[in-house]
């Protein structure tokens, strides 16, 4: 009788233990099969996020380096296109804003993207957009980044963006001083952004959909009524001409080709023809 009761008690325990062991084995087997797939998908997602701010990169390798305060991770483009810094800073709401900053091989801020934030819609988040980030594109000096104006009503958030740009530039300088990054050929779009950034530091630009004069390739309106950036394509030269609000041609940045003194005058004349 006692043995019968003992068997009655022990049997369910053995069954439960057996089921648990089989379940554990199956879970382990499933994990072994799915882990590489999950890891590959996570790597692809991360690579895609990194390429948003550094599209010329082929792929990325995470660097094991001393991190500047505010930088959480650093990835270097395997083809030498530059680096991407993951950053965190305090937000308007007291939480954190996670961002990525791409620095190209020339040491210029190439792109900024937001990974996560909890800013109030229409207030703090109004600076967490490409239209605001563009003012930092082309900046190479942390002092220039530090001098950027903040946005009224979103001071902490715009200061966060500024801090992010500064620490990313500092991280690039630290890495480049230890092991210089080999420059790669930039795309036309990158050269254009850099050229406009040099002509109108700290400003954003908007491509205008309008009729263009002969030999004018593109026309951009510069923020804060500073004027226009006129892209001229003439005689194997592509150049950006700064035209101020009064209609006067100013500095010129060459994107492709070689600009002689004779061509310089012609390029400026072509740029001004857009407004005649």
Protein backbone atom coordinates (compact mmCIF):
# COMPACT_ATOMS: atom_id res chain seq x y z
CA UNK A 1 0.00 0.00 0.00
CA UNK A 2 2.79 2.39 0.94
CA UNK A 3 4.71 1.47 -2.21
CA UNK A 4 1.62 2.13 -4.30
CA UNK A 5 1.22 5.61 -2.80
CA UNK A 6 4.94 6.33 -3.30
CA UNK A 7 4.66 5.34 -6.96
CA UNK A 8 1.55 7.52 -7.34
CA UNK A 9 3.45 10.57 -5.98
CA UNK A 10 6.75 9.98 -7.74
CA UNK A 11 5.37 9.20 -11.21
CA UNK A 12 3.96 12.71 -11.93
CA UNK A 13 7.24 14.25 -10.76
CA UNK A 14 9.21 12.09 -13.17
CA UNK A 15 6.82 13.02 -15.99
CA UNK A 16 7.10 16.74 -15.20
CA UNK A 17 10.91 16.58 -14.99
CA UNK A 18 11.03 14.69 -18.29
CA UNK A 19 8.78 17.26 -19.97
CA UNK A 20 10.94 20.10 -18.60
CA UNK A 21 14.12 18.45 -19.87
CA UNK A 22 12.63 17.85 -23.33
CA UNK A 23 11.32 21.43 -23.46
CA UNK A 24 14.72 22.80 -22.43
CA UNK A 25 16.41 20.67 -25.08
CA UNK A 26 13.98 21.88 -27.76
CA UNK A 27 14.40 25.53 -26.72
CA UNK A 28 18.17 25.16 -26.82
CA UNK A 29 17.96 23.57 -30.27
CA UNK A 30 15.67 26.32 -31.57
CA UNK A 31 17.98 28.99 -30.13
CA UNK A 32 21.00 27.41 -31.80
CA UNK A 33 19.18 27.51 -35.14
CA UNK A 34 17.71 31.01 -34.82
CA UNK A 35 20.53 32.84 -33.02
CA UNK A 36 22.67 33.33 -36.15
CA UNK A 37 19.63 34.57 -38.10
CA UNK A 38 18.69 37.02 -35.34
CA UNK A 39 22.29 38.22 -35.05
CA UNK A 40 22.47 38.75 -38.82
CA UNK A 41 19.23 40.73 -38.84
CA UNK A 42 20.39 42.87 -35.92
CA UNK A 43 23.67 43.54 -37.73
CA UNK A 44 21.81 44.50 -40.92
CA UNK A 45 19.51 46.83 -38.97
CA UNK A 46 22.48 48.44 -37.24
CA UNK A 47 24.37 48.77 -40.53
CA UNK A 48 21.35 50.43 -42.17
CA UNK A 49 21.04 52.91 -39.28
CA UNK A 50 24.73 53.77 -39.54
CA UNK A 51 24.50 54.30 -43.29
CA UNK A 52 21.78 56.90 -42.79
CA UNK A 53 24.40 59.33 -41.47
CA UNK A 54 27.34 57.99 -43.50
CA UNK A 55 25.88 56.59 -46.76
CA UNK A 56 29.26 56.29 -48.51
CA UNK A 57 30.34 53.57 -46.08
CA UNK A 58 30.31 49.99 -47.34
CA UNK A 59 30.08 48.35 -43.92
CA UNK A 60 31.16 49.12 -40.36
CA UNK A 61 33.36 47.78 -37.59
CA UNK A 62 32.81 48.69 -33.95
CA UNK A 63 35.95 50.26 -32.51
CA UNK A 64 37.40 49.41 -29.12
CA UNK A 65 38.71 52.86 -28.23
CA UNK A 66 38.53 55.27 -25.33
CA UNK A 67 35.22 57.09 -25.66
CA UNK A 68 34.69 60.82 -25.25
CA UNK A 69 32.10 61.63 -22.56
CA UNK A 70 28.69 61.54 -24.20
CA UNK A 71 29.71 58.99 -26.84
CA UNK A 72 28.47 55.47 -26.18
CA UNK A 73 29.78 53.61 -29.25
CA UNK A 74 31.96 54.30 -32.27
CA UNK A 75 31.88 52.53 -35.62
CA UNK A 76 34.43 52.99 -38.39
CA UNK A 77 33.55 52.56 -42.05
CA UNK A 78 35.50 49.62 -43.48
CA UNK A 79 36.17 51.54 -46.71
CA UNK A 80 37.60 54.58 -44.90
CA UNK A 81 34.55 56.80 -45.46
CA UNK A 82 34.65 58.01 -41.85
CA UNK A 83 33.14 57.14 -38.47
CA UNK A 84 29.73 57.09 -36.81
CA UNK A 85 29.27 57.97 -33.14
CA UNK A 86 26.31 56.84 -31.05
CA UNK A 87 25.57 59.43 -28.37
CA UNK A 88 23.29 60.11 -25.42
CA UNK A 89 22.44 63.46 -23.85
CA UNK A 90 19.87 64.91 -21.45
CA UNK A 91 16.61 65.97 -23.08
CA UNK A 92 14.04 68.71 -22.50
CA UNK A 93 11.92 66.26 -20.51
CA UNK A 94 14.80 65.08 -18.33
CA UNK A 95 15.21 61.80 -20.17
CA UNK A 96 17.80 61.03 -22.82
CA UNK A 97 18.03 61.63 -26.53
CA UNK A 98 19.96 58.92 -28.38
CA UNK A 99 21.46 60.03 -31.68
CA UNK A 100 23.97 59.00 -34.31
CA UNK A 101 26.44 61.38 -35.94
CA UNK A 102 28.39 60.58 -39.08
CA UNK A 103 31.78 62.23 -39.57
CA UNK A 104 33.23 61.78 -43.05
CA UNK A 105 36.87 61.17 -43.91
CA UNK A 106 37.49 64.92 -44.17
CA UNK A 107 36.40 65.42 -40.57
CA UNK A 108 33.09 67.05 -41.54
CA UNK A 109 29.74 66.32 -39.94
CA UNK A 110 28.00 64.37 -42.66
CA UNK A 111 24.68 63.44 -41.05
CA UNK A 112 22.73 63.33 -37.79
CA UNK A 113 19.82 61.05 -36.95
CA UNK A 114 17.68 60.45 -33.86
CA UNK A 115 17.41 56.92 -32.51
CA UNK A 116 15.08 57.60 -29.59
CA UNK A 117 13.64 60.50 -27.58
CA UNK A 118 10.63 61.49 -25.48
CA UNK A 119 10.38 65.17 -26.40
CA UNK A 120 7.01 66.90 -26.55
CA UNK A 121 5.56 66.97 -30.05
CA UNK A 122 5.83 70.41 -31.62
CA UNK A 123 8.11 71.75 -28.87
CA UNK A 124 11.31 69.88 -28.07
CA UNK A 125 11.10 67.66 -31.11
CA UNK A 126 10.98 70.57 -33.55
CA UNK A 127 14.78 70.66 -33.56
CA UNK A 128 15.14 66.88 -33.92
CA UNK A 129 14.65 67.07 -37.68
CA UNK A 130 16.83 67.18 -40.79
CA UNK A 131 15.89 70.81 -41.43
CA UNK A 132 17.62 71.73 -38.16
CA UNK A 133 20.46 69.21 -38.35
CA UNK A 134 21.56 70.57 -41.76
CA UNK A 135 23.07 73.65 -40.13
CA UNK A 136 25.75 71.35 -38.67
CA UNK A 137 26.57 69.58 -41.94
CA UNK A 138 30.02 70.43 -43.24
CA UNK A 139 31.22 71.66 -39.81
CA UNK A 140 34.70 70.41 -38.91
CA UNK A 141 35.58 72.53 -35.88
CA UNK A 142 34.01 71.93 -32.47
CA UNK A 143 34.16 75.67 -31.75
CA UNK A 144 31.99 76.32 -34.82
CA UNK A 145 29.54 73.69 -33.61
CA UNK A 146 29.57 75.22 -30.13
CA UNK A 147 28.72 78.62 -31.60
CA UNK A 148 25.45 77.45 -33.19
CA UNK A 149 22.34 79.28 -32.00
CA UNK A 150 19.82 77.48 -29.81
CA UNK A 151 16.09 77.42 -30.52
CA UNK A 152 13.82 79.45 -28.26
CA UNK A 153 11.39 77.18 -26.45
CA UNK A 154 13.59 74.13 -27.04
CA UNK A 155 16.82 75.31 -25.48
CA UNK A 156 17.77 72.06 -23.77
CA UNK A 157 17.01 69.99 -26.84
CA UNK A 158 18.96 72.24 -29.22
CA UNK A 159 21.82 72.31 -26.71
CA UNK A 160 21.65 68.52 -26.74
CA UNK A 161 22.10 68.50 -30.52
CA UNK A 162 25.00 70.93 -30.16
CA UNK A 163 26.61 68.75 -27.47
CA UNK A 164 26.18 65.69 -29.69
CA UNK A 165 27.90 67.41 -32.62
CA UNK A 166 30.75 68.61 -30.40
CA UNK A 167 31.50 65.24 -28.77
CA UNK A 168 31.35 63.47 -32.15
CA UNK A 169 33.93 65.89 -33.57
CA UNK A 170 36.09 65.38 -30.48
CA UNK A 171 35.84 61.61 -30.89
CA UNK A 172 36.85 61.86 -34.54
CA UNK A 173 39.85 64.03 -33.62
CA UNK A 174 40.93 61.55 -30.94
CA UNK A 175 40.70 58.60 -33.34
CA UNK A 176 42.29 60.39 -36.27
CA UNK A 177 45.24 61.58 -34.21
CA UNK A 178 45.97 57.99 -33.21
CA UNK A 179 45.35 56.41 -36.61
CA UNK A 180 44.51 58.76 -39.51
CA UNK A 181 41.44 57.78 -41.52
CA UNK A 182 42.19 57.40 -45.20
CA UNK A 183 39.92 59.73 -47.22
CA UNK A 184 37.65 58.32 -49.88
CA UNK A 185 36.15 60.02 -52.91
CA UNK A 186 33.02 61.94 -51.92
CA UNK A 187 29.77 61.84 -53.82
CA UNK A 188 28.41 64.85 -55.68
CA UNK A 189 25.75 65.28 -52.99
CA UNK A 190 28.35 65.36 -50.21
CA UNK A 191 30.49 67.86 -52.07
CA UNK A 192 27.41 70.02 -52.64
CA UNK A 193 26.43 69.98 -48.96
CA UNK A 194 29.98 70.82 -47.94
CA UNK A 195 30.22 73.65 -50.50
CA UNK A 196 26.97 75.26 -49.35
CA UNK A 197 28.06 74.79 -45.74
CA UNK A 198 31.27 76.71 -46.40
CA UNK A 199 29.48 79.53 -48.22
CA UNK A 200 26.71 79.85 -45.63
CA UNK A 201 27.99 78.45 -42.29
CA UNK A 202 25.32 77.40 -39.84
CA UNK A 203 22.49 77.76 -42.36
CA UNK A 204 20.08 75.31 -43.95
CA UNK A 205 19.16 75.21 -47.63
CA UNK A 206 16.06 74.32 -49.63
CA UNK A 207 16.14 73.13 -53.23
CA UNK A 208 13.79 75.31 -55.29
CA UNK A 209 11.56 73.79 -57.95
CA UNK A 210 11.71 76.56 -60.52
CA UNK A 211 12.76 77.26 -64.10
CA UNK A 212 16.53 77.47 -64.40
CA UNK A 213 18.66 79.72 -66.56
CA UNK A 214 21.02 78.13 -69.11
CA UNK A 215 23.96 76.37 -67.42
CA UNK A 216 22.33 76.65 -63.99
CA UNK A 217 22.08 73.15 -62.58
CA UNK A 218 20.30 73.76 -59.27
CA UNK A 219 19.07 76.62 -57.14
CA UNK A 220 18.90 76.59 -53.33
CA UNK A 221 17.35 79.14 -51.02
CA UNK A 222 19.34 79.75 -47.84
CA UNK A 223 17.64 80.11 -44.47
CA UNK A 224 17.25 83.40 -42.60
CA UNK A 225 16.97 85.33 -45.88
CA UNK A 226 20.73 85.08 -46.44
CA UNK A 227 20.35 84.62 -50.17
CA UNK A 228 20.80 81.78 -52.62
CA UNK A 229 23.28 79.08 -53.58
CA UNK A 230 23.38 78.77 -57.36
CA UNK A 231 24.93 75.61 -58.80
CA UNK A 232 26.51 76.35 -62.18
CA UNK A 233 27.55 73.63 -64.63
CA UNK A 234 29.70 75.22 -67.31
CA UNK A 235 32.81 74.32 -69.31
CA UNK A 236 33.64 71.12 -67.36
CA UNK A 237 33.27 72.95 -64.06
CA UNK A 238 30.52 72.57 -61.46
CA UNK A 239 30.61 75.35 -58.89
CA UNK A 240 28.35 76.84 -56.23
CA UNK A 241 27.98 80.63 -56.25
CA UNK A 242 26.73 82.53 -53.20
CA UNK A 243 24.25 85.25 -54.17
CA UNK A 244 23.07 87.55 -51.38
CA UNK A 245 19.70 89.18 -50.90
CA UNK A 246 20.71 92.23 -52.88
CA UNK A 247 21.52 90.13 -55.94
CA UNK A 248 25.30 90.39 -55.64
CA UNK A 249 27.52 87.37 -56.37
CA UNK A 250 29.94 86.50 -53.62
CA UNK A 251 32.24 83.57 -52.88
CA UNK A 252 32.43 80.50 -55.11
CA UNK A 253 33.08 76.89 -54.12
CA UNK A 254 34.16 74.39 -56.78
CA UNK A 255 32.58 70.92 -56.71
CA UNK A 256 34.15 69.48 -59.85
CA UNK A 257 36.76 70.67 -62.34
CA UNK A 258 39.27 73.50 -62.21
CA UNK A 259 38.13 77.11 -62.04
CA UNK A 260 40.43 79.61 -63.74
CA UNK A 261 40.20 83.38 -63.25
CA UNK A 262 38.55 83.73 -66.65
CA UNK A 263 35.97 81.07 -65.86
CA UNK A 264 35.29 82.57 -62.44
CA UNK A 265 33.82 85.72 -63.97
CA UNK A 266 31.70 83.69 -66.40
CA UNK A 267 30.42 81.40 -63.66
CA UNK A 268 29.32 84.38 -61.58
CA UNK A 269 27.61 85.94 -64.61
CA UNK A 270 25.72 82.70 -65.25
CA UNK A 271 24.66 82.56 -61.59
CA UNK A 272 23.30 86.10 -61.71
CA UNK A 273 21.43 85.37 -64.93
CA UNK A 274 19.12 83.19 -62.85
CA UNK A 275 17.68 86.35 -61.31
CA UNK A 276 17.43 88.52 -64.44
